[in-house]
Amino acid sequence: MIEFLQIVSAIGAPFPAVDQGYLLEARQMQALSLAVHIPLVCFGIAFPALVVFMEWLGQKTGQERYTVIAKRGSKGMITLPKLRDSLRDLKFEVKVEPEVAERARVPIERMVAIG
């Protein structure tokens, strides 16, 4: 570790020093993002897995109740056939106010410009 520090001090830091007055806010935003996304990801993985498990259980045991549970659960999920039908039939249109769309367009154009 000491050799690394000596090399860095000899050639200079790879990035210039920056003002980190916003560090607390950045950490708070990251914590909020993780607090929201971690449960959503868990639900997004567990729920479809539960639906698949119920479908399998219905197939294996022949009991209709498991298949009914799987069908009811899949109604709330976005499935590939639903996505295909939505794009083909142009239904479920999302309407966004023009000023919101303009604000959202700026970062998207930046990402496209980066490539």
Protein backbone atom coordinates (compact mmCIF):
# COMPACT_ATOMS: atom_id res chain seq x y z
CA MET A 1 0.00 0.00 0.00
CA ILE A 2 2.84 2.36 0.80
CA GLU A 3 4.38 1.77 -2.64
CA PHE A 4 1.09 2.66 -4.30
CA LEU A 5 0.85 5.88 -2.30
CA GLN A 6 4.43 6.77 -3.19
CA ILE A 7 3.72 6.18 -6.89
CA VAL A 8 0.54 8.24 -6.78
CA SER A 9 2.28 11.09 -4.97
CA ALA A 10 5.17 10.96 -7.45
CA ILE A 11 3.03 11.11 -10.61
CA GLY A 12 0.21 13.14 -9.13
CA ALA A 13 -3.36 12.20 -8.36
CA PRO A 14 -5.28 10.70 -11.30
CA PHE A 15 -8.08 13.21 -10.82
CA PRO A 16 -7.92 16.75 -9.52
CA ALA A 17 -9.32 17.43 -6.09
CA VAL A 18 -12.98 18.43 -6.11
CA ASP A 19 -15.20 20.23 -3.67
CA GLN A 20 -17.18 17.58 -1.82
CA GLY A 21 -19.67 19.87 -0.15
CA TYR A 22 -22.45 17.85 -1.72
CA LEU A 23 -21.16 14.51 -0.43
CA LEU A 24 -23.78 14.17 2.33
CA GLU A 25 -26.61 14.88 -0.11
CA ALA A 26 -25.17 12.42 -2.62
CA ARG A 27 -25.00 9.72 0.04
CA GLN A 28 -28.57 10.46 1.12
CA MET A 29 -29.77 10.16 -2.47
CA GLN A 30 -27.93 6.86 -2.86
CA ALA A 31 -29.43 5.54 0.39
CA LEU A 32 -32.92 6.55 -0.71
CA SER A 33 -32.39 4.93 -4.09
CA LEU A 34 -31.25 1.68 -2.49
CA ALA A 35 -34.08 1.76 0.06
CA VAL A 36 -36.61 1.96 -2.76
CA HIS A 37 -35.01 -0.29 -5.35
CA ILE A 38 -33.93 -3.24 -3.21
CA PRO A 39 -37.49 -4.18 -2.13
CA LEU A 40 -38.76 -3.59 -5.67
CA VAL A 41 -36.13 -5.89 -7.13
CA CYS A 42 -36.91 -8.57 -4.55
CA PHE A 43 -40.60 -8.35 -5.37
CA GLY A 44 -39.85 -8.30 -9.09
CA ILE A 45 -37.93 -11.56 -8.79
CA ALA A 46 -39.97 -13.33 -6.12
CA PHE A 47 -43.44 -12.68 -7.55
CA PRO A 48 -42.81 -14.15 -11.02
CA ALA A 49 -40.97 -17.06 -9.40
CA LEU A 50 -44.01 -17.68 -7.20
CA VAL A 51 -46.31 -17.61 -10.23
CA VAL A 52 -44.09 -20.10 -12.07
CA PHE A 53 -43.94 -22.31 -8.97
CA MET A 54 -47.74 -22.29 -8.63
CA GLU A 55 -48.11 -23.17 -12.32
CA TRP A 56 -45.63 -26.04 -11.93
CA LEU A 57 -47.39 -27.24 -8.78
CA GLY A 58 -50.72 -27.20 -10.61
CA GLN A 59 -49.25 -29.21 -13.48
CA LYS A 60 -47.60 -31.71 -11.15
CA THR A 61 -50.49 -32.30 -8.73
CA GLY A 62 -53.33 -31.73 -11.16
CA GLN A 63 -55.10 -29.53 -8.62
CA GLU A 64 -56.91 -26.63 -10.24
CA ARG A 65 -56.39 -24.23 -7.32
CA TYR A 66 -52.66 -23.84 -8.04
CA THR A 67 -53.31 -23.06 -11.69
CA VAL A 68 -55.97 -20.52 -10.68
CA ILE A 69 -53.48 -18.82 -8.34
CA ALA A 70 -50.91 -18.69 -11.14
CA LYS A 71 -53.42 -17.21 -13.60
CA ARG A 72 -54.57 -14.59 -11.12
CA GLY A 73 -50.99 -13.65 -10.33
CA SER A 74 -49.99 -13.37 -13.96
CA LYS A 75 -52.79 -10.88 -14.65
CA GLY A 76 -50.90 -8.27 -12.65
CA MET A 77 -47.59 -8.87 -14.37
CA ILE A 78 -46.22 -7.42 -17.56
CA THR A 79 -45.79 -10.40 -19.83
CA LEU A 80 -44.26 -10.58 -23.28
CA PRO A 81 -47.63 -11.23 -24.97
CA LYS A 82 -49.11 -8.20 -23.21
CA LEU A 83 -46.17 -6.06 -24.30
CA ARG A 84 -46.46 -7.33 -27.89
CA ASP A 85 -50.20 -6.63 -27.99
CA SER A 86 -49.72 -3.18 -26.52
CA LEU A 87 -47.14 -2.22 -29.14
CA ARG A 88 -49.09 -3.83 -32.00
CA ASP A 89 -52.48 -2.33 -31.08
CA LEU A 90 -51.08 0.98 -29.76
CA LYS A 91 -53.06 0.71 -26.55
CA PHE A 92 -52.10 1.74 -23.02
CA GLU A 93 -50.74 5.07 -24.20
CA VAL A 94 -48.77 7.01 -21.60
CA LYS A 95 -49.49 10.73 -21.68
CA VAL A 96 -46.86 13.10 -20.36
CA GLU A 97 -47.19 16.86 -20.05
CA PRO A 98 -45.01 18.74 -22.56
CA GLU A 99 -42.81 20.46 -19.96
CA VAL A 100 -42.10 17.13 -18.23
CA ALA A 101 -41.32 15.52 -21.58
CA GLU A 102 -38.92 18.33 -22.45
CA ARG A 103 -37.07 18.00 -19.13
CA ALA A 104 -36.84 14.22 -19.64
CA ARG A 105 -35.61 14.60 -23.21
CA VAL A 106 -32.42 16.47 -22.19
CA PRO A 107 -30.69 13.61 -20.28
CA ILE A 108 -31.80 11.09 -22.89
CA GLU A 109 -30.24 13.17 -25.66
CA ARG A 110 -27.05 13.43 -23.58
CA MET A 111 -26.88 9.64 -23.19
CA VAL A 112 -27.45 9.14 -26.92
CA ALA A 113 -24.73 11.67 -27.72
CA ILE A 114 -22.25 9.77 -25.52
CA GLY A 115 -23.03 6.63 -27.47
